[in-house]
């Protein structure tokens, strides 16, 4: 069900990035004799990297907040088979009325997400600086 919700959004982001790419760059590569494979790896891929990173980060955020679908569709599934971190925090906070523990878990989860996204952005930033 999550695929039906978020994959079309990511595809629209990538399509918008492809449509915003300048056509003159592709034409110049063709005139210079670049093969389609070289044109993709040397021109299209580096130009699409910022849009792709944005789509990947949004997809990661969508996956990390997956509590709403899990709670509404399966309620954690048989024996907790589909429980996610977000749904566990939600159930701990709301269903078990353990407000302090649930808030602490949410804050730790937020810090972990911020660290992970920051590391990912630093890695991509270094990669983009190497390309240019």
N, C-alpha and C. Protein backbone atom coordinates (compact mmCIF):
# COMPACT_ATOMS: atom_id res chain seq x y z
N UNK A 1 0.82 -1.19 0.00
CA UNK A 1 0.00 0.00 0.00
C UNK A 1 0.87 1.26 0.00
N UNK A 2 1.99 1.18 0.67
CA UNK A 2 2.90 2.33 0.71
C UNK A 2 3.42 2.66 -0.69
N UNK A 3 3.62 1.64 -1.50
CA UNK A 3 4.10 1.88 -2.87
C UNK A 3 3.11 2.71 -3.67
N UNK A 4 1.82 2.47 -3.48
CA UNK A 4 0.80 3.24 -4.20
C UNK A 4 0.76 4.69 -3.74
N UNK A 5 1.21 4.94 -2.54
CA UNK A 5 1.15 6.30 -1.99
C UNK A 5 2.37 7.12 -2.40
N UNK A 6 3.57 6.57 -2.27
CA UNK A 6 4.75 7.41 -2.41
C UNK A 6 5.52 7.26 -3.71
N UNK A 7 5.48 6.12 -4.36
CA UNK A 7 6.24 5.95 -5.60
C UNK A 7 5.77 6.89 -6.71
N UNK A 8 4.47 7.11 -6.91
CA UNK A 8 4.09 8.09 -7.94
C UNK A 8 4.63 9.49 -7.66
N UNK A 9 4.69 9.89 -6.40
CA UNK A 9 5.24 11.19 -6.05
C UNK A 9 6.72 11.28 -6.44
N UNK A 10 7.47 10.23 -6.16
CA UNK A 10 8.88 10.20 -6.50
C UNK A 10 9.06 10.22 -8.02
N UNK A 11 8.22 9.49 -8.75
CA UNK A 11 8.31 9.48 -10.21
C UNK A 11 8.01 10.86 -10.79
N UNK A 12 7.06 11.56 -10.22
CA UNK A 12 6.76 12.92 -10.69
C UNK A 12 7.94 13.85 -10.42
N UNK A 13 8.60 13.70 -9.28
CA UNK A 13 9.79 14.50 -8.99
C UNK A 13 10.89 14.23 -10.02
N UNK A 14 11.14 12.96 -10.32
CA UNK A 14 12.19 12.62 -11.28
C UNK A 14 11.82 13.08 -12.69
N UNK A 15 10.56 12.95 -13.06
CA UNK A 15 10.12 13.43 -14.37
C UNK A 15 10.28 14.93 -14.49
N UNK A 16 9.95 15.66 -13.43
CA UNK A 16 10.13 17.11 -13.44
C UNK A 16 11.60 17.47 -13.59
N UNK A 17 12.47 16.73 -12.92
CA UNK A 17 13.90 16.96 -13.06
C UNK A 17 14.39 16.71 -14.48
N UNK A 18 13.91 15.64 -15.09
CA UNK A 18 14.30 15.34 -16.47
C UNK A 18 13.78 16.40 -17.44
N UNK A 19 12.57 16.88 -17.22
CA UNK A 19 12.01 17.88 -18.11
C UNK A 19 12.67 19.24 -17.93
N UNK A 20 13.22 19.51 -16.75
CA UNK A 20 13.88 20.79 -16.49
C UNK A 20 15.32 20.80 -16.99
N UNK A 21 15.84 19.65 -17.39
CA UNK A 21 17.21 19.57 -17.86
C UNK A 21 17.35 20.29 -19.21
N UNK A 22 18.39 21.11 -19.37
CA UNK A 22 18.56 21.83 -20.63
C UNK A 22 18.83 20.87 -21.79
N UNK A 23 18.11 21.07 -22.88
CA UNK A 23 18.26 20.21 -24.06
C UNK A 23 19.56 20.48 -24.79
N UNK A 24 20.10 21.69 -24.66
CA UNK A 24 21.32 22.05 -25.37
C UNK A 24 22.50 21.20 -24.92
N UNK A 25 22.52 20.81 -23.66
CA UNK A 25 23.62 20.00 -23.15
C UNK A 25 23.61 18.62 -23.80
N UNK A 26 22.43 18.02 -23.90
CA UNK A 26 22.30 16.72 -24.55
C UNK A 26 22.67 16.81 -26.03
N UNK A 27 22.22 17.87 -26.69
CA UNK A 27 22.54 18.05 -28.11
C UNK A 27 24.04 18.24 -28.31
N UNK A 28 24.69 18.99 -27.43
CA UNK A 28 26.13 19.19 -27.53
C UNK A 28 26.88 17.88 -27.36
N UNK A 29 26.41 17.03 -26.45
CA UNK A 29 27.05 15.72 -26.26
C UNK A 29 26.89 14.86 -27.51
N UNK A 30 25.71 14.91 -28.13
CA UNK A 30 25.48 14.15 -29.36
C UNK A 30 26.39 14.64 -30.48
N UNK A 31 26.54 15.97 -30.60
CA UNK A 31 27.40 16.55 -31.64
C UNK A 31 28.86 16.15 -31.40
N UNK A 32 29.27 16.09 -30.14
CA UNK A 32 30.63 15.71 -29.81
C UNK A 32 30.90 14.23 -29.97
N UNK A 33 29.87 13.44 -30.25
CA UNK A 33 30.04 12.02 -30.53
C UNK A 33 29.88 11.12 -29.33
N UNK A 34 29.25 11.59 -28.28
CA UNK A 34 29.04 10.75 -27.10
C UNK A 34 27.97 9.70 -27.38
N UNK A 35 28.21 8.49 -26.89
CA UNK A 35 27.22 7.44 -27.02
C UNK A 35 26.09 7.71 -26.02
N UNK A 36 24.94 7.09 -26.20
CA UNK A 36 23.87 7.29 -25.22
C UNK A 36 24.29 6.93 -23.79
N UNK A 37 25.09 5.88 -23.65
CA UNK A 37 25.56 5.46 -22.33
C UNK A 37 26.47 6.53 -21.72
N UNK A 38 27.40 7.05 -22.52
CA UNK A 38 28.27 8.12 -22.03
C UNK A 38 27.48 9.37 -21.71
N UNK A 39 26.49 9.68 -22.53
CA UNK A 39 25.65 10.85 -22.30
C UNK A 39 24.90 10.72 -20.98
N UNK A 40 24.43 9.51 -20.69
CA UNK A 40 23.73 9.30 -19.42
C UNK A 40 24.66 9.49 -18.24
N UNK A 41 25.81 8.79 -18.24
CA UNK A 41 26.70 8.81 -17.08
C UNK A 41 27.44 10.12 -16.89
N UNK A 42 27.75 10.81 -17.98
CA UNK A 42 28.55 12.04 -17.86
C UNK A 42 27.69 13.30 -17.81
N UNK A 43 26.43 13.24 -18.28
CA UNK A 43 25.61 14.45 -18.34
C UNK A 43 24.32 14.29 -17.54
N UNK A 44 23.50 13.32 -17.91
CA UNK A 44 22.18 13.18 -17.29
C UNK A 44 22.29 12.86 -15.80
N UNK A 45 23.10 11.88 -15.47
CA UNK A 45 23.21 11.47 -14.07
C UNK A 45 23.70 12.58 -13.16
N UNK A 46 24.80 13.28 -13.50
CA UNK A 46 25.23 14.37 -12.61
C UNK A 46 24.23 15.52 -12.52
N UNK A 47 23.53 15.82 -13.62
CA UNK A 47 22.54 16.90 -13.58
C UNK A 47 21.30 16.51 -12.79
N UNK A 48 20.99 15.23 -12.75
CA UNK A 48 19.81 14.74 -12.02
C UNK A 48 20.12 14.41 -10.56
N UNK A 49 21.38 14.49 -10.17
CA UNK A 49 21.76 14.11 -8.81
C UNK A 49 21.04 14.92 -7.72
N UNK A 50 20.92 16.25 -7.83
CA UNK A 50 20.19 16.97 -6.77
C UNK A 50 18.72 16.56 -6.67
N UNK A 51 18.08 16.34 -7.81
CA UNK A 51 16.67 15.92 -7.79
C UNK A 51 16.56 14.50 -7.24
N UNK A 52 17.48 13.64 -7.62
CA UNK A 52 17.46 12.26 -7.15
C UNK A 52 17.68 12.20 -5.64
N UNK A 53 18.61 13.00 -5.14
CA UNK A 53 18.87 13.02 -3.70
C UNK A 53 17.64 13.52 -2.95
N UNK A 54 17.01 14.55 -3.48
CA UNK A 54 15.78 15.05 -2.86
C UNK A 54 14.71 13.96 -2.82
N UNK A 55 14.54 13.25 -3.92
CA UNK A 55 13.55 12.17 -3.97
C UNK A 55 13.90 11.05 -2.99
N UNK A 56 15.18 10.71 -2.89
CA UNK A 56 15.60 9.65 -1.97
C UNK A 56 15.38 10.06 -0.52
N UNK A 57 15.72 11.30 -0.18
CA UNK A 57 15.52 11.77 1.19
C UNK A 57 14.04 11.81 1.55
N UNK A 58 13.21 12.28 0.63
CA UNK A 58 11.77 12.27 0.90
C UNK A 58 11.24 10.86 1.05
N UNK A 59 11.74 9.93 0.25
CA UNK A 59 11.31 8.53 0.34
C UNK A 59 11.73 7.93 1.68
N UNK A 60 12.94 8.26 2.14
CA UNK A 60 13.40 7.77 3.45
C UNK A 60 12.49 8.32 4.55
N UNK A 61 12.16 9.59 4.46
CA UNK A 61 11.28 10.19 5.47
C UNK A 61 9.91 9.53 5.44
N UNK A 62 9.39 9.25 4.23
CA UNK A 62 8.09 8.57 4.13
C UNK A 62 8.16 7.19 4.77
N UNK A 63 9.26 6.47 4.56
CA UNK A 63 9.39 5.13 5.14
C UNK A 63 9.53 5.17 6.66
N UNK A 64 10.19 6.19 7.17
CA UNK A 64 10.40 6.27 8.61
C UNK A 64 9.13 6.68 9.36
N UNK A 65 8.17 7.27 8.68
CA UNK A 65 6.93 7.68 9.33
C UNK A 65 5.78 6.73 8.97
N UNK A 66 6.08 5.52 8.71
CA UNK A 66 5.12 4.55 8.19
C UNK A 66 4.07 4.10 9.20
N UNK A 67 3.94 4.76 10.32
CA UNK A 67 3.02 4.33 11.36
C UNK A 67 1.57 4.41 10.92
N UNK A 68 1.19 5.43 10.18
CA UNK A 68 -0.22 5.61 9.84
C UNK A 68 -0.79 4.45 9.03
N UNK A 69 -0.06 3.98 8.04
CA UNK A 69 -0.55 2.88 7.21
C UNK A 69 -0.59 1.59 8.02
N UNK A 70 0.46 1.31 8.77
CA UNK A 70 0.52 0.08 9.56
C UNK A 70 -0.59 0.03 10.59
N UNK A 71 -0.82 1.13 11.29
CA UNK A 71 -1.84 1.15 12.35
C UNK A 71 -3.23 1.01 11.75
N UNK A 72 -3.51 1.70 10.66
CA UNK A 72 -4.85 1.66 10.08
C UNK A 72 -5.16 0.38 9.32
N UNK A 73 -4.17 -0.24 8.72
CA UNK A 73 -4.43 -1.43 7.91
C UNK A 73 -4.31 -2.72 8.71
N UNK A 74 -3.21 -2.88 9.46
CA UNK A 74 -2.98 -4.17 10.12
C UNK A 74 -2.93 -4.09 11.64
N UNK A 75 -2.86 -2.90 12.21
CA UNK A 75 -2.70 -2.71 13.66
C UNK A 75 -1.49 -3.47 14.20
N UNK A 76 -0.44 -3.53 13.44
CA UNK A 76 0.76 -4.24 13.87
C UNK A 76 0.86 -5.65 13.36
N UNK A 77 -0.18 -6.12 12.71
CA UNK A 77 -0.15 -7.44 12.10
C UNK A 77 -0.26 -8.57 13.10
N UNK A 78 -0.21 -9.78 12.59
CA UNK A 78 -0.30 -10.93 13.50
C UNK A 78 0.97 -11.04 14.34
N UNK A 79 0.83 -10.85 15.62
CA UNK A 79 1.95 -10.98 16.53
C UNK A 79 3.01 -9.90 16.37
N UNK A 80 2.63 -8.75 15.87
CA UNK A 80 3.59 -7.66 15.70
C UNK A 80 4.49 -7.80 14.49
N UNK A 81 4.07 -8.56 13.49
CA UNK A 81 4.90 -8.81 12.31
C UNK A 81 5.13 -7.56 11.47
N UNK A 82 4.18 -6.62 11.47
CA UNK A 82 4.34 -5.41 10.66
C UNK A 82 4.54 -4.16 11.50
N UNK A 83 4.94 -4.32 12.73
CA UNK A 83 5.18 -3.17 13.59
C UNK A 83 6.43 -2.43 13.12
N UNK A 84 6.33 -1.11 13.01
CA UNK A 84 7.48 -0.28 12.69
C UNK A 84 7.86 0.51 13.93
N UNK A 85 8.99 1.19 13.87
CA UNK A 85 9.43 1.99 15.01
C UNK A 85 8.40 3.08 15.30
N UNK A 86 7.91 3.72 14.25
CA UNK A 86 6.93 4.80 14.43
C UNK A 86 5.63 4.28 15.05
N UNK A 87 5.16 3.13 14.59
CA UNK A 87 3.92 2.61 15.16
C UNK A 87 4.12 2.14 16.60
N UNK A 88 5.32 1.62 16.91
CA UNK A 88 5.60 1.24 18.29
C UNK A 88 5.59 2.47 19.21
N UNK A 89 6.23 3.55 18.76
CA UNK A 89 6.24 4.78 19.55
C UNK A 89 4.83 5.30 19.74
N UNK A 90 4.03 5.26 18.68
CA UNK A 90 2.64 5.73 18.76
C UNK A 90 1.83 4.90 19.75
N UNK A 91 1.97 3.57 19.65
CA UNK A 91 1.21 2.71 20.57
C UNK A 91 1.69 2.88 22.01
N UNK A 92 2.99 3.07 22.18
CA UNK A 92 3.51 3.26 23.54
C UNK A 92 2.96 4.55 24.13
N UNK A 93 2.89 5.57 23.33
CA UNK A 93 2.43 6.89 23.80
C UNK A 93 0.92 6.91 24.03
N UNK A 94 0.16 6.41 23.05
CA UNK A 94 -1.30 6.57 23.10
C UNK A 94 -2.00 5.39 23.76
N UNK A 95 -1.73 4.19 23.28
CA UNK A 95 -2.48 3.03 23.76
C UNK A 95 -2.08 2.63 25.19
N UNK A 96 -0.80 2.70 25.49
CA UNK A 96 -0.34 2.30 26.81
C UNK A 96 -0.25 3.47 27.78
N UNK A 97 -0.56 4.67 27.31
CA UNK A 97 -0.55 5.90 28.13
C UNK A 97 0.79 6.12 28.84
N UNK A 98 1.86 5.73 28.18
CA UNK A 98 3.19 5.90 28.72
C UNK A 98 3.81 7.12 28.04
N UNK A 99 3.37 8.31 28.44
CA UNK A 99 3.70 9.55 27.75
C UNK A 99 5.19 9.85 27.82
N UNK A 100 5.78 9.75 28.97
CA UNK A 100 7.20 10.07 29.13
C UNK A 100 8.09 9.17 28.28
N UNK A 101 7.85 7.86 28.34
CA UNK A 101 8.65 6.90 27.58
C UNK A 101 8.44 7.08 26.08
N UNK A 102 7.20 7.29 25.67
CA UNK A 102 6.91 7.51 24.25
C UNK A 102 7.56 8.77 23.71
N UNK A 103 7.54 9.84 24.53
CA UNK A 103 8.19 11.09 24.12
C UNK A 103 9.69 10.91 24.02
N UNK A 104 10.28 10.21 24.96
CA UNK A 104 11.72 9.95 24.91
C UNK A 104 12.09 9.15 23.68
N UNK A 105 11.31 8.10 23.37
CA UNK A 105 11.57 7.31 22.18
C UNK A 105 11.47 8.16 20.91
N UNK A 106 10.46 9.03 20.86
CA UNK A 106 10.28 9.89 19.69
C UNK A 106 11.45 10.85 19.53
N UNK A 107 11.94 11.40 20.64
CA UNK A 107 13.07 12.33 20.56
C UNK A 107 14.35 11.62 20.13
N UNK A 108 14.60 10.44 20.65
CA UNK A 108 15.78 9.68 20.24
C UNK A 108 15.67 9.29 18.76
N UNK A 109 14.49 8.89 18.33
CA UNK A 109 14.26 8.54 16.93
C UNK A 109 14.51 9.75 16.03
N UNK A 110 14.05 10.92 16.47
CA UNK A 110 14.27 12.15 15.71
C UNK A 110 15.76 12.46 15.59
N UNK A 111 16.50 12.33 16.66
CA UNK A 111 17.95 12.60 16.64
C UNK A 111 18.65 11.62 15.70
N UNK A 112 18.29 10.36 15.75
CA UNK A 112 18.89 9.36 14.86
C UNK A 112 18.59 9.71 13.40
N UNK A 113 17.37 10.11 13.10
CA UNK A 113 16.99 10.47 11.73
C UNK A 113 17.78 11.70 11.28
N UNK A 114 17.90 12.70 12.13
CA UNK A 114 18.64 13.92 11.77
C UNK A 114 20.11 13.59 11.49
N UNK A 115 20.71 12.76 12.33
CA UNK A 115 22.11 12.37 12.11
C UNK A 115 22.25 11.62 10.80
N UNK A 116 21.36 10.68 10.53
CA UNK A 116 21.43 9.88 9.30
C UNK A 116 21.27 10.76 8.06
N UNK A 117 20.29 11.65 8.06
CA UNK A 117 20.06 12.52 6.91
C UNK A 117 21.22 13.48 6.73
N UNK A 118 21.79 14.00 7.81
CA UNK A 118 22.95 14.89 7.72
C UNK A 118 24.15 14.17 7.12
N UNK A 119 24.41 12.95 7.57
CA UNK A 119 25.51 12.17 6.99
C UNK A 119 25.28 11.89 5.51
N UNK A 120 24.05 11.56 5.15
CA UNK A 120 23.73 11.31 3.75
C UNK A 120 23.93 12.56 2.89
N UNK A 121 23.49 13.70 3.39
CA UNK A 121 23.67 14.95 2.65
C UNK A 121 25.15 15.33 2.53
N UNK A 122 25.93 15.11 3.57
CA UNK A 122 27.38 15.38 3.49
C UNK A 122 28.05 14.47 2.47
N UNK A 123 27.68 13.21 2.45
CA UNK A 123 28.24 12.26 1.50
C UNK A 123 27.91 12.67 0.07
N UNK A 124 26.67 13.02 -0.17
CA UNK A 124 26.24 13.43 -1.51
C UNK A 124 26.89 14.75 -1.90
N UNK A 125 27.05 15.65 -0.96
CA UNK A 125 27.68 16.95 -1.24
C UNK A 125 29.13 16.74 -1.69
N UNK A 126 29.85 15.85 -1.01
CA UNK A 126 31.22 15.54 -1.42
C UNK A 126 31.27 14.93 -2.80
N UNK A 127 30.31 14.06 -3.08
CA UNK A 127 30.24 13.41 -4.41
C UNK A 127 29.95 14.44 -5.50
N UNK A 128 29.05 15.38 -5.20
CA UNK A 128 28.71 16.40 -6.19
C UNK A 128 29.89 17.35 -6.43
N UNK A 129 30.68 17.63 -5.40
CA UNK A 129 31.85 18.49 -5.57
C UNK A 129 32.92 17.79 -6.41
N UNK A 130 33.02 16.47 -6.28
CA UNK A 130 33.96 15.72 -7.11
C UNK A 130 33.55 15.72 -8.56
N UNK A 131 32.25 15.70 -8.82
CA UNK A 131 31.75 15.66 -10.20
C UNK A 131 32.02 16.98 -10.90
N UNK A 132 31.81 18.10 -10.19
CA UNK A 132 31.97 19.41 -10.83
C UNK A 132 33.39 19.90 -10.82
